[in-house]
Amino acid sequence: MRCDRCTDHPCSTGNPCVPSDPEKAYLDREERRILQAAGEVESRFYGDLCRFDEIVEFARVLGVHHLGIAFCVGLAQEAAWAAEILEKEFRLTTVCCKTGGLLKEDLEVPSSQKVGAVSCNPVEQARILEEAGTELNLMMGLCVGHDALFLRHSKAWTVPLVVKDRRLGHNPVAALTCPYIRRKLGREESRP
């Protein structure tokens, strides 16, 4: 499938080019509940809320009481700001990416002057949040790949609040929307 090459997108009007069975796709009650909650937030607040507030509404609709935040140490201040707001309504558990002080050399992970000797530890972040009993986790700026590990190991549903992009101020879509950046994407010469 290459939906990016489609110009009509008939599926968006209820005429899919590939037949599917939506009832079968959402037989799992929890998955259907998540889809319904997402739909409720979208229908009530479409275009009116920032992502942070959409996540708060999503948690409210789900009836969540305990949120987890897995954050990058580089976004510790932003995580504290988010926690300050969220803790007014939710129980919180937050965990920094460097938890456990895991040394890169112990796992044969490359290191450099830029990034230091202590590894991010997304599997441990997920374990700590699971142990705390979080019902919904927020990811704040986990590195590419570390986010994949966190998502794989998180037992609670997880939504990204911040996607890390050090170069573009954590706004990765700017690379696609700005033609000056987009035309260089994927090229060897665009790398420092």
N, C-alpha and C. Protein backbone atom coordinates (compact mmCIF):
# COMPACT_ATOMS: atom_id res chain seq x y z
N MET A 1 0.84 -1.18 0.00
CA MET A 1 0.00 0.00 0.00
C MET A 1 0.88 1.24 0.00
N ARG A 2 0.46 2.25 -0.69
CA ARG A 2 1.15 3.54 -0.71
C ARG A 2 0.11 4.65 -0.68
N CYS A 3 -0.52 4.82 0.47
CA CYS A 3 -1.57 5.83 0.62
C CYS A 3 -1.04 7.24 0.40
N ASP A 4 0.27 7.43 0.57
CA ASP A 4 0.85 8.76 0.34
C ASP A 4 0.75 9.17 -1.12
N ARG A 5 0.57 8.21 -2.01
CA ARG A 5 0.47 8.51 -3.45
C ARG A 5 -0.98 8.71 -3.91
N CYS A 6 -1.90 8.49 -3.02
CA CYS A 6 -3.32 8.64 -3.35
C CYS A 6 -3.69 10.11 -3.32
N THR A 7 -4.45 10.55 -4.32
CA THR A 7 -4.86 11.95 -4.35
C THR A 7 -6.31 12.13 -3.90
N ASP A 8 -7.11 11.08 -3.98
CA ASP A 8 -8.53 11.18 -3.65
C ASP A 8 -8.84 10.88 -2.18
N HIS A 9 -8.11 9.92 -1.62
CA HIS A 9 -8.36 9.41 -0.26
C HIS A 9 -9.83 9.07 -0.07
N PRO A 10 -10.37 8.16 -0.90
CA PRO A 10 -11.78 7.80 -0.79
C PRO A 10 -12.12 7.18 0.58
N CYS A 11 -11.13 6.64 1.25
CA CYS A 11 -11.40 6.06 2.57
C CYS A 11 -11.91 7.12 3.54
N SER A 12 -11.51 8.38 3.33
CA SER A 12 -11.95 9.44 4.25
C SER A 12 -13.41 9.82 4.05
N THR A 13 -14.02 9.28 3.00
CA THR A 13 -15.46 9.51 2.78
C THR A 13 -16.25 8.22 2.92
N GLY A 14 -15.62 7.18 3.48
CA GLY A 14 -16.31 5.92 3.72
C GLY A 14 -16.26 4.95 2.56
N ASN A 15 -15.41 5.20 1.57
CA ASN A 15 -15.27 4.31 0.41
C ASN A 15 -13.84 3.80 0.30
N PRO A 16 -13.45 2.87 1.15
CA PRO A 16 -12.06 2.40 1.15
C PRO A 16 -11.71 1.63 -0.13
N CYS A 17 -10.48 1.84 -0.58
CA CYS A 17 -10.02 1.11 -1.76
C CYS A 17 -9.60 -0.32 -1.38
N VAL A 18 -9.37 -0.54 -0.11
CA VAL A 18 -9.04 -1.87 0.39
C VAL A 18 -10.12 -2.23 1.41
N PRO A 19 -10.85 -3.30 1.15
CA PRO A 19 -11.92 -3.66 2.09
C PRO A 19 -11.36 -4.02 3.47
N SER A 20 -12.09 -3.63 4.49
CA SER A 20 -11.69 -3.98 5.85
C SER A 20 -12.92 -4.30 6.66
N ASP A 21 -12.72 -4.86 7.82
CA ASP A 21 -13.81 -5.21 8.71
C ASP A 21 -13.57 -4.50 10.03
N PRO A 22 -14.04 -3.24 10.16
CA PRO A 22 -13.75 -2.47 11.37
C PRO A 22 -14.27 -3.12 12.64
N GLU A 23 -15.39 -3.81 12.53
CA GLU A 23 -15.91 -4.49 13.72
C GLU A 23 -14.92 -5.53 14.22
N LYS A 24 -14.32 -6.25 13.29
CA LYS A 24 -13.37 -7.29 13.65
C LYS A 24 -12.07 -6.67 14.17
N ALA A 25 -11.69 -5.53 13.62
CA ALA A 25 -10.44 -4.89 14.01
C ALA A 25 -10.47 -4.41 15.46
N TYR A 26 -11.66 -4.10 15.96
CA TYR A 26 -11.77 -3.57 17.31
C TYR A 26 -12.63 -4.44 18.21
N LEU A 27 -12.43 -5.75 18.13
CA LEU A 27 -13.13 -6.68 19.00
C LEU A 27 -12.63 -6.57 20.44
N ASP A 28 -11.36 -6.25 20.61
CA ASP A 28 -10.79 -6.10 21.94
C ASP A 28 -11.46 -4.90 22.62
N ARG A 29 -12.07 -5.14 23.77
CA ARG A 29 -12.84 -4.09 24.45
C ARG A 29 -11.98 -2.88 24.82
N GLU A 30 -10.77 -3.15 25.27
CA GLU A 30 -9.88 -2.05 25.68
C GLU A 30 -9.47 -1.21 24.48
N GLU A 31 -9.17 -1.86 23.37
CA GLU A 31 -8.81 -1.11 22.17
C GLU A 31 -9.99 -0.28 21.67
N ARG A 32 -11.17 -0.85 21.74
CA ARG A 32 -12.36 -0.10 21.32
C ARG A 32 -12.59 1.09 22.26
N ARG A 33 -12.37 0.88 23.54
CA ARG A 33 -12.53 1.96 24.53
C ARG A 33 -11.56 3.10 24.24
N ILE A 34 -10.32 2.77 23.88
CA ILE A 34 -9.32 3.79 23.55
C ILE A 34 -9.75 4.54 22.29
N LEU A 35 -10.20 3.81 21.28
CA LEU A 35 -10.65 4.43 20.04
C LEU A 35 -11.84 5.36 20.29
N GLN A 36 -12.78 4.92 21.11
CA GLN A 36 -13.95 5.74 21.43
C GLN A 36 -13.56 7.00 22.20
N ALA A 37 -12.64 6.86 23.15
CA ALA A 37 -12.18 8.03 23.93
C ALA A 37 -11.47 9.02 23.02
N ALA A 38 -10.62 8.51 22.13
CA ALA A 38 -9.92 9.38 21.19
C ALA A 38 -10.92 10.11 20.30
N GLY A 39 -11.93 9.38 19.85
CA GLY A 39 -12.96 9.98 19.01
C GLY A 39 -13.76 11.05 19.74
N GLU A 40 -14.03 10.80 21.02
CA GLU A 40 -14.77 11.79 21.80
C GLU A 40 -13.96 13.08 21.94
N VAL A 41 -12.68 12.95 22.26
CA VAL A 41 -11.83 14.14 22.40
C VAL A 41 -11.72 14.87 21.07
N GLU A 42 -11.52 14.11 20.00
CA GLU A 42 -11.41 14.73 18.67
C GLU A 42 -12.69 15.47 18.31
N SER A 43 -13.84 14.83 18.53
CA SER A 43 -15.11 15.45 18.10
C SER A 43 -15.47 16.67 18.95
N ARG A 44 -15.13 16.64 20.22
CA ARG A 44 -15.47 17.77 21.10
C ARG A 44 -14.51 18.94 20.99
N PHE A 45 -13.23 18.66 20.70
CA PHE A 45 -12.22 19.71 20.82
C PHE A 45 -11.38 19.92 19.56
N TYR A 46 -11.81 19.39 18.44
CA TYR A 46 -11.02 19.45 17.20
C TYR A 46 -10.53 20.87 16.91
N GLY A 47 -9.22 21.03 16.89
CA GLY A 47 -8.61 22.32 16.56
C GLY A 47 -8.67 23.36 17.65
N ASP A 48 -9.30 23.04 18.78
CA ASP A 48 -9.45 24.03 19.85
C ASP A 48 -8.43 23.90 20.97
N LEU A 49 -7.81 22.73 21.09
CA LEU A 49 -6.87 22.48 22.18
C LEU A 49 -5.48 22.17 21.66
N CYS A 50 -4.48 22.50 22.46
CA CYS A 50 -3.12 22.06 22.15
C CYS A 50 -3.01 20.58 22.55
N ARG A 51 -1.95 19.93 22.13
CA ARG A 51 -1.78 18.51 22.41
C ARG A 51 -1.81 18.21 23.91
N PHE A 52 -1.18 19.04 24.71
CA PHE A 52 -1.17 18.83 26.16
C PHE A 52 -2.60 18.73 26.69
N ASP A 53 -3.42 19.71 26.34
CA ASP A 53 -4.81 19.71 26.81
C ASP A 53 -5.63 18.57 26.22
N GLU A 54 -5.33 18.16 24.98
CA GLU A 54 -6.02 17.00 24.42
C GLU A 54 -5.69 15.75 25.23
N ILE A 55 -4.44 15.62 25.65
CA ILE A 55 -4.04 14.46 26.46
C ILE A 55 -4.77 14.47 27.80
N VAL A 56 -4.88 15.64 28.41
CA VAL A 56 -5.62 15.76 29.68
C VAL A 56 -7.07 15.33 29.47
N GLU A 57 -7.70 15.81 28.42
CA GLU A 57 -9.09 15.43 28.14
C GLU A 57 -9.20 13.93 27.87
N PHE A 58 -8.26 13.38 27.13
CA PHE A 58 -8.24 11.95 26.83
C PHE A 58 -8.18 11.15 28.14
N ALA A 59 -7.31 11.56 29.05
CA ALA A 59 -7.20 10.87 30.35
C ALA A 59 -8.51 11.00 31.13
N ARG A 60 -9.13 12.16 31.08
CA ARG A 60 -10.42 12.36 31.78
C ARG A 60 -11.49 11.44 31.21
N VAL A 61 -11.60 11.40 29.89
CA VAL A 61 -12.62 10.55 29.26
C VAL A 61 -12.39 9.08 29.62
N LEU A 62 -11.13 8.67 29.68
CA LEU A 62 -10.82 7.29 30.05
C LEU A 62 -11.02 7.01 31.53
N GLY A 63 -11.13 8.06 32.33
CA GLY A 63 -11.27 7.87 33.77
C GLY A 63 -9.95 7.52 34.44
N VAL A 64 -8.86 7.96 33.84
CA VAL A 64 -7.52 7.68 34.37
C VAL A 64 -7.27 8.50 35.63
N HIS A 65 -6.64 7.88 36.62
CA HIS A 65 -6.29 8.58 37.86
C HIS A 65 -4.78 8.69 38.04
N HIS A 66 -4.01 7.79 37.42
CA HIS A 66 -2.56 7.72 37.65
C HIS A 66 -1.83 7.81 36.31
N LEU A 67 -1.14 8.92 36.11
CA LEU A 67 -0.35 9.13 34.90
C LEU A 67 1.13 8.87 35.17
N GLY A 68 1.82 8.38 34.14
CA GLY A 68 3.27 8.26 34.20
C GLY A 68 3.88 9.19 33.16
N ILE A 69 5.04 9.74 33.48
CA ILE A 69 5.78 10.54 32.52
C ILE A 69 7.18 9.96 32.40
N ALA A 70 7.51 9.48 31.21
CA ALA A 70 8.88 9.04 30.90
C ALA A 70 9.52 10.17 30.11
N PHE A 71 10.54 10.80 30.70
CA PHE A 71 11.10 11.98 30.06
C PHE A 71 12.60 11.89 29.88
N CYS A 72 13.08 12.65 28.92
CA CYS A 72 14.50 12.80 28.66
C CYS A 72 15.06 13.79 29.67
N VAL A 73 16.24 13.52 30.19
CA VAL A 73 16.88 14.42 31.15
C VAL A 73 17.04 15.83 30.56
N GLY A 74 17.18 15.91 29.25
CA GLY A 74 17.30 17.20 28.58
C GLY A 74 16.01 18.00 28.61
N LEU A 75 14.90 17.35 28.96
CA LEU A 75 13.61 18.02 29.08
C LEU A 75 13.09 17.97 30.52
N ALA A 76 14.02 17.92 31.47
CA ALA A 76 13.64 17.84 32.88
C ALA A 76 12.79 19.04 33.30
N GLN A 77 13.14 20.23 32.84
CA GLN A 77 12.37 21.41 33.21
C GLN A 77 10.96 21.35 32.64
N GLU A 78 10.85 20.94 31.37
CA GLU A 78 9.53 20.82 30.74
C GLU A 78 8.70 19.74 31.43
N ALA A 79 9.35 18.65 31.84
CA ALA A 79 8.65 17.59 32.57
C ALA A 79 8.14 18.12 33.91
N ALA A 80 8.93 18.94 34.57
CA ALA A 80 8.50 19.53 35.85
C ALA A 80 7.31 20.46 35.63
N TRP A 81 7.34 21.24 34.56
CA TRP A 81 6.21 22.12 34.26
C TRP A 81 4.95 21.30 33.99
N ALA A 82 5.09 20.25 33.20
CA ALA A 82 3.94 19.39 32.91
C ALA A 82 3.41 18.76 34.19
N ALA A 83 4.32 18.26 35.02
CA ALA A 83 3.93 17.61 36.27
C ALA A 83 3.20 18.58 37.20
N GLU A 84 3.67 19.81 37.25
CA GLU A 84 3.05 20.82 38.11
C GLU A 84 1.58 21.02 37.75
N ILE A 85 1.28 20.97 36.47
CA ILE A 85 -0.10 21.13 36.01
C ILE A 85 -0.89 19.85 36.24
N LEU A 86 -0.31 18.73 35.86
CA LEU A 86 -1.03 17.45 35.92
C LEU A 86 -1.32 16.98 37.34
N GLU A 87 -0.39 17.27 38.27
CA GLU A 87 -0.57 16.77 39.63
C GLU A 87 -1.74 17.43 40.36
N LYS A 88 -2.31 18.48 39.79
CA LYS A 88 -3.49 19.09 40.37
C LYS A 88 -4.71 18.18 40.24
N GLU A 89 -4.65 17.28 39.25
CA GLU A 89 -5.79 16.41 38.98
C GLU A 89 -5.47 14.92 39.02
N PHE A 90 -4.23 14.56 38.74
CA PHE A 90 -3.86 13.16 38.60
C PHE A 90 -2.76 12.78 39.59
N ARG A 91 -2.75 11.52 39.97
CA ARG A 91 -1.59 10.97 40.66
C ARG A 91 -0.51 10.81 39.61
N LEU A 92 0.75 11.11 39.95
CA LEU A 92 1.83 11.08 38.97
C LEU A 92 2.99 10.22 39.43
N THR A 93 3.60 9.55 38.47
CA THR A 93 4.91 8.94 38.64
C THR A 93 5.73 9.40 37.46
N THR A 94 6.90 9.95 37.73
CA THR A 94 7.77 10.43 36.64
C THR A 94 9.10 9.71 36.73
N VAL A 95 9.69 9.45 35.57
CA VAL A 95 10.97 8.76 35.57
C VAL A 95 11.84 9.30 34.44
N CYS A 96 13.05 9.66 34.81
CA CYS A 96 14.04 10.25 33.90
C CYS A 96 14.73 9.14 33.08
N CYS A 97 15.17 9.50 31.91
CA CYS A 97 15.79 8.52 31.01
C CYS A 97 17.09 7.92 31.55
N LYS A 98 17.78 8.61 32.42
CA LYS A 98 19.07 8.12 32.93
C LYS A 98 18.90 7.28 34.19
N THR A 99 17.68 6.93 34.53
CA THR A 99 17.42 6.15 35.73
C THR A 99 18.30 4.89 35.75
N GLY A 100 18.82 4.59 36.89
CA GLY A 100 19.66 3.41 37.05
C GLY A 100 21.13 3.67 36.79
N GLY A 101 21.47 4.79 36.18
CA GLY A 101 22.88 5.12 35.93
C GLY A 101 23.62 4.08 35.10
N LEU A 102 22.97 3.52 34.13
CA LEU A 102 23.52 2.46 33.29
C LEU A 102 24.68 2.98 32.44
N LEU A 103 25.84 2.39 32.59
CA LEU A 103 26.99 2.82 31.80
C LEU A 103 26.95 2.20 30.40
N LYS A 104 27.19 3.04 29.42
CA LYS A 104 27.14 2.58 28.02
C LYS A 104 28.15 1.47 27.76
N GLU A 105 29.34 1.61 28.32
CA GLU A 105 30.38 0.60 28.06
C GLU A 105 29.96 -0.79 28.53
N ASP A 106 29.10 -0.87 29.56
CA ASP A 106 28.66 -2.17 30.06
C ASP A 106 27.79 -2.92 29.05
N LEU A 107 27.15 -2.18 28.14
CA LEU A 107 26.29 -2.80 27.12
C LEU A 107 26.84 -2.61 25.71
N GLU A 108 28.09 -2.19 25.61
CA GLU A 108 28.74 -1.95 24.32
C GLU A 108 27.96 -0.94 23.48
N VAL A 109 27.46 0.10 24.13
CA VAL A 109 26.75 1.18 23.47
C VAL A 109 27.76 2.29 23.17
N PRO A 110 27.80 2.79 21.94
CA PRO A 110 28.76 3.85 21.61
C PRO A 110 28.55 5.10 22.48
N SER A 111 29.64 5.79 22.72
CA SER A 111 29.62 7.01 23.51
C SER A 111 30.50 8.05 22.82
N SER A 112 30.35 9.29 23.24
CA SER A 112 31.19 10.36 22.70
C SER A 112 31.20 11.51 23.68
N GLN A 113 32.02 12.51 23.41
CA GLN A 113 32.06 13.72 24.23
C GLN A 113 30.68 14.40 24.24
N LYS A 114 29.97 14.32 23.10
CA LYS A 114 28.66 14.99 22.98
C LYS A 114 27.61 14.39 23.91
N VAL A 115 27.63 13.08 24.08
CA VAL A 115 26.52 12.42 24.77
C VAL A 115 26.86 11.80 26.12
N GLY A 116 28.10 11.65 26.45
CA GLY A 116 28.46 11.13 27.76
C GLY A 116 28.44 9.62 27.88
N ALA A 117 28.78 9.14 29.08
CA ALA A 117 29.00 7.71 29.31
C ALA A 117 27.78 6.98 29.88
N VAL A 118 26.78 7.71 30.34
CA VAL A 118 25.60 7.06 30.94
C VAL A 118 24.52 6.92 29.88
N SER A 119 24.00 5.71 29.76
CA SER A 119 22.99 5.41 28.74
C SER A 119 21.60 5.78 29.21
N CYS A 120 20.76 6.10 28.26
CA CYS A 120 19.34 6.17 28.54
C CYS A 120 18.88 4.75 28.83
N ASN A 121 17.80 4.62 29.56
CA ASN A 121 17.37 3.31 30.04
C ASN A 121 15.85 3.17 29.91
N PRO A 122 15.35 3.16 28.65
CA PRO A 122 13.90 3.16 28.44
C PRO A 122 13.19 1.90 28.94
N VAL A 123 13.86 0.78 28.93
CA VAL A 123 13.23 -0.45 29.43
C VAL A 123 12.98 -0.31 30.94
N GLU A 124 13.95 0.27 31.64
CA GLU A 124 13.78 0.48 33.07
C GLU A 124 12.73 1.55 33.35
N GLN A 125 12.66 2.58 32.52
CA GLN A 125 11.60 3.58 32.68
C GLN A 125 10.23 2.91 32.61
N ALA A 126 10.05 2.05 31.62
CA ALA A 126 8.77 1.34 31.47
C ALA A 126 8.50 0.43 32.66
N ARG A 127 9.53 -0.25 33.15
CA ARG A 127 9.37 -1.15 34.29
C ARG A 127 8.95 -0.38 35.54
N ILE A 128 9.59 0.76 35.77
CA ILE A 128 9.27 1.56 36.95
C ILE A 128 7.83 2.05 36.90
N LEU A 129 7.39 2.51 35.73
CA LEU A 129 6.01 2.98 35.60
C LEU A 129 5.02 1.83 35.76
N GLU A 130 5.38 0.67 35.25
CA GLU A 130 4.51 -0.50 35.42
C GLU A 130 4.40 -0.86 36.90
N GLU A 131 5.53 -0.87 37.58
CA GLU A 131 5.55 -1.19 39.01
C GLU A 131 4.72 -0.18 39.82
N ALA A 132 4.72 1.07 39.37
CA ALA A 132 3.95 2.11 40.06
C ALA A 132 2.45 2.01 39.77
N GLY A 133 2.10 1.26 38.72
CA GLY A 133 0.69 1.07 38.39
C GLY A 133 0.07 2.20 37.59
N THR A 134 0.88 2.86 36.75
CA THR A 134 0.32 3.93 35.93
C THR A 134 -0.71 3.37 34.95
N GLU A 135 -1.70 4.20 34.64
CA GLU A 135 -2.78 3.79 33.74
C GLU A 135 -2.59 4.36 32.34
N LEU A 136 -1.86 5.46 32.23
CA LEU A 136 -1.58 6.10 30.95
C LEU A 136 -0.22 6.76 31.09
N ASN A 137 0.67 6.50 30.13
CA ASN A 137 2.01 7.08 30.17
C ASN A 137 2.17 8.14 29.09
N LEU A 138 2.92 9.17 29.42
CA LEU A 138 3.28 10.22 28.48
C LEU A 138 4.77 10.13 28.22
N MET A 139 5.16 10.22 26.96
CA MET A 139 6.58 10.26 26.59
C MET A 139 6.96 11.70 26.30
N MET A 140 8.07 12.12 26.90
CA MET A 140 8.55 13.47 26.67
C MET A 140 10.00 13.42 26.20
N GLY A 141 10.18 13.45 24.89
CA GLY A 141 11.50 13.64 24.31
C GLY A 141 12.46 12.48 24.41
N LEU A 142 11.97 11.24 24.46
CA LEU A 142 12.90 10.12 24.45
C LEU A 142 13.59 10.07 23.09
N CYS A 143 14.86 9.67 23.10
CA CYS A 143 15.65 9.62 21.86
C CYS A 143 15.03 8.63 20.86
N VAL A 144 15.33 8.85 19.60
CA VAL A 144 14.92 7.91 18.56
C VAL A 144 15.50 6.53 18.89
N GLY A 145 14.68 5.55 18.89
CA GLY A 145 15.10 4.19 19.26
C GLY A 145 14.81 3.90 20.72
N HIS A 146 15.16 4.83 21.59
CA HIS A 146 14.80 4.66 22.99
C HIS A 146 13.28 4.73 23.14
N ASP A 147 12.65 5.59 22.33
CA ASP A 147 11.19 5.66 22.36
C ASP A 147 10.58 4.34 21.92
N ALA A 148 11.20 3.70 20.92
CA ALA A 148 10.70 2.39 20.44
C ALA A 148 10.79 1.35 21.55
N LEU A 149 11.90 1.34 22.27
CA LEU A 149 12.05 0.39 23.37
C LEU A 149 11.03 0.66 24.48
N PHE A 150 10.84 1.94 24.79
CA PHE A 150 9.86 2.27 25.82
C PHE A 150 8.46 1.81 25.41
N LEU A 151 8.07 2.11 24.18
CA LEU A 151 6.74 1.71 23.71
C LEU A 151 6.57 0.20 23.74
N ARG A 152 7.61 -0.52 23.40
CA ARG A 152 7.52 -1.98 23.40
C ARG A 152 7.33 -2.54 24.80
N HIS A 153 7.95 -1.89 25.79
CA HIS A 153 7.93 -2.43 27.15
C HIS A 153 6.87 -1.81 28.06
N SER A 154 6.30 -0.71 27.67
CA SER A 154 5.27 -0.08 28.50
C SER A 154 4.02 -0.94 28.49
N LYS A 155 3.56 -1.29 29.67
CA LYS A 155 2.32 -2.08 29.77
C LYS A 155 1.10 -1.17 29.66
N ALA A 156 1.22 0.07 30.10
CA ALA A 156 0.12 1.02 30.01
C ALA A 156 0.13 1.66 28.62
N TRP A 157 -1.03 2.11 28.19
CA TRP A 157 -1.11 2.86 26.94
C TRP A 157 -0.20 4.07 27.06
N THR A 158 0.44 4.43 25.95
CA THR A 158 1.40 5.53 25.95
C THR A 158 1.10 6.49 24.82
N VAL A 159 1.14 7.78 25.14
CA VAL A 159 0.98 8.82 24.12
C VAL A 159 2.19 9.75 24.16
N PRO A 160 2.71 10.11 22.99
CA PRO A 160 3.81 11.07 22.96
C PRO A 160 3.30 12.49 23.24
N LEU A 161 3.93 13.15 24.19
CA LEU A 161 3.64 14.56 24.45
C LEU A 161 4.66 15.41 23.71
N VAL A 162 5.93 15.02 23.79
CA VAL A 162 7.01 15.74 23.10
C VAL A 162 7.83 14.72 22.33
N VAL A 163 8.05 15.00 21.05
CA VAL A 163 8.94 14.17 20.25
C VAL A 163 10.23 14.95 20.08
N LYS A 164 11.33 14.34 20.48
CA LYS A 164 12.61 15.05 20.49
C LYS A 164 13.09 15.37 19.08
N ASP A 165 13.49 16.59 18.91
CA ASP A 165 14.22 17.03 17.72
C ASP A 165 15.09 18.20 18.17
N ARG A 166 16.31 17.87 18.56
CA ARG A 166 17.21 18.88 19.14
C ARG A 166 17.47 20.02 18.17
N ARG A 167 17.54 19.70 16.91
CA ARG A 167 17.89 20.70 15.91
C ARG A 167 16.74 21.65 15.59
N LEU A 168 15.51 21.15 15.68
CA LEU A 168 14.35 21.95 15.27
C LEU A 168 13.44 22.31 16.45
N GLY A 169 14.01 22.40 17.63
CA GLY A 169 13.22 22.83 18.79
C GLY A 169 12.07 21.90 19.11
N HIS A 170 12.29 20.60 18.94
CA HIS A 170 11.29 19.58 19.23
C HIS A 170 10.03 19.73 18.38
N ASN A 171 10.25 20.17 17.15
CA ASN A 171 9.17 20.31 16.17
C ASN A 171 9.60 19.59 14.90
N PRO A 172 9.63 18.23 14.92
CA PRO A 172 10.17 17.49 13.79
C PRO A 172 9.45 17.69 12.47
N VAL A 173 8.17 18.04 12.51
CA VAL A 173 7.45 18.22 11.25
C VAL A 173 7.97 19.44 10.49
N ALA A 174 8.68 20.34 11.15
CA ALA A 174 9.25 21.50 10.46
C ALA A 174 10.20 21.07 9.35
N ALA A 175 10.84 19.92 9.52
CA ALA A 175 11.74 19.42 8.48
C ALA A 175 10.98 19.09 7.20
N LEU A 176 9.72 18.74 7.33
CA LEU A 176 8.90 18.41 6.16
C LEU A 176 8.16 19.62 5.62
N THR A 177 7.78 20.53 6.49
CA THR A 177 7.00 21.68 6.04
C THR A 177 7.85 22.83 5.51
N CYS A 178 9.11 22.86 5.89
CA CYS A 178 10.00 23.92 5.40
C CYS A 178 10.75 23.41 4.17
N PRO A 179 10.50 23.99 3.01
CA PRO A 179 11.12 23.47 1.79
C PRO A 179 12.65 23.53 1.80
N TYR A 180 13.23 24.47 2.52
CA TYR A 180 14.69 24.58 2.58
C TYR A 180 15.32 23.42 3.33
N ILE A 181 14.62 22.91 4.30
CA ILE A 181 15.10 21.75 5.04
C ILE A 181 14.72 20.47 4.30
N ARG A 182 13.48 20.40 3.83
CA ARG A 182 12.96 19.18 3.20
C ARG A 182 13.82 18.74 2.03
N ARG A 183 14.27 19.67 1.20
CA ARG A 183 15.03 19.27 0.02
C ARG A 183 16.39 18.65 0.36
N LYS A 184 16.83 18.81 1.59
CA LYS A 184 18.11 18.23 2.01
C LYS A 184 17.95 16.93 2.80
N LEU A 185 16.73 16.58 3.15
CA LEU A 185 16.50 15.40 3.99
C LEU A 185 17.03 14.13 3.33
N GLY A 186 17.69 13.32 4.12
CA GLY A 186 18.18 12.03 3.66
C GLY A 186 19.50 12.09 2.91
N ARG A 187 20.00 13.25 2.61
CA ARG A 187 21.27 13.39 1.89
C ARG A 187 22.46 13.32 2.84
N GLU A 188 23.51 12.74 2.39
CA GLU A 188 24.75 12.67 3.16
C GLU A 188 25.27 14.05 3.49
N GLU A 189 25.22 14.98 2.52
CA GLU A 189 25.80 16.31 2.73
C GLU A 189 25.01 17.15 3.73
N SER A 190 23.81 16.72 4.08
CA SER A 190 23.04 17.49 5.05
C SER A 190 23.44 17.16 6.48
N ARG A 191 24.31 16.17 6.65
CA ARG A 191 24.75 15.77 8.00
C ARG A 191 25.99 16.56 8.39
N PRO A 192 26.04 16.98 9.65
CA PRO A 192 27.21 17.76 10.10
C PRO A 192 28.48 16.92 10.14
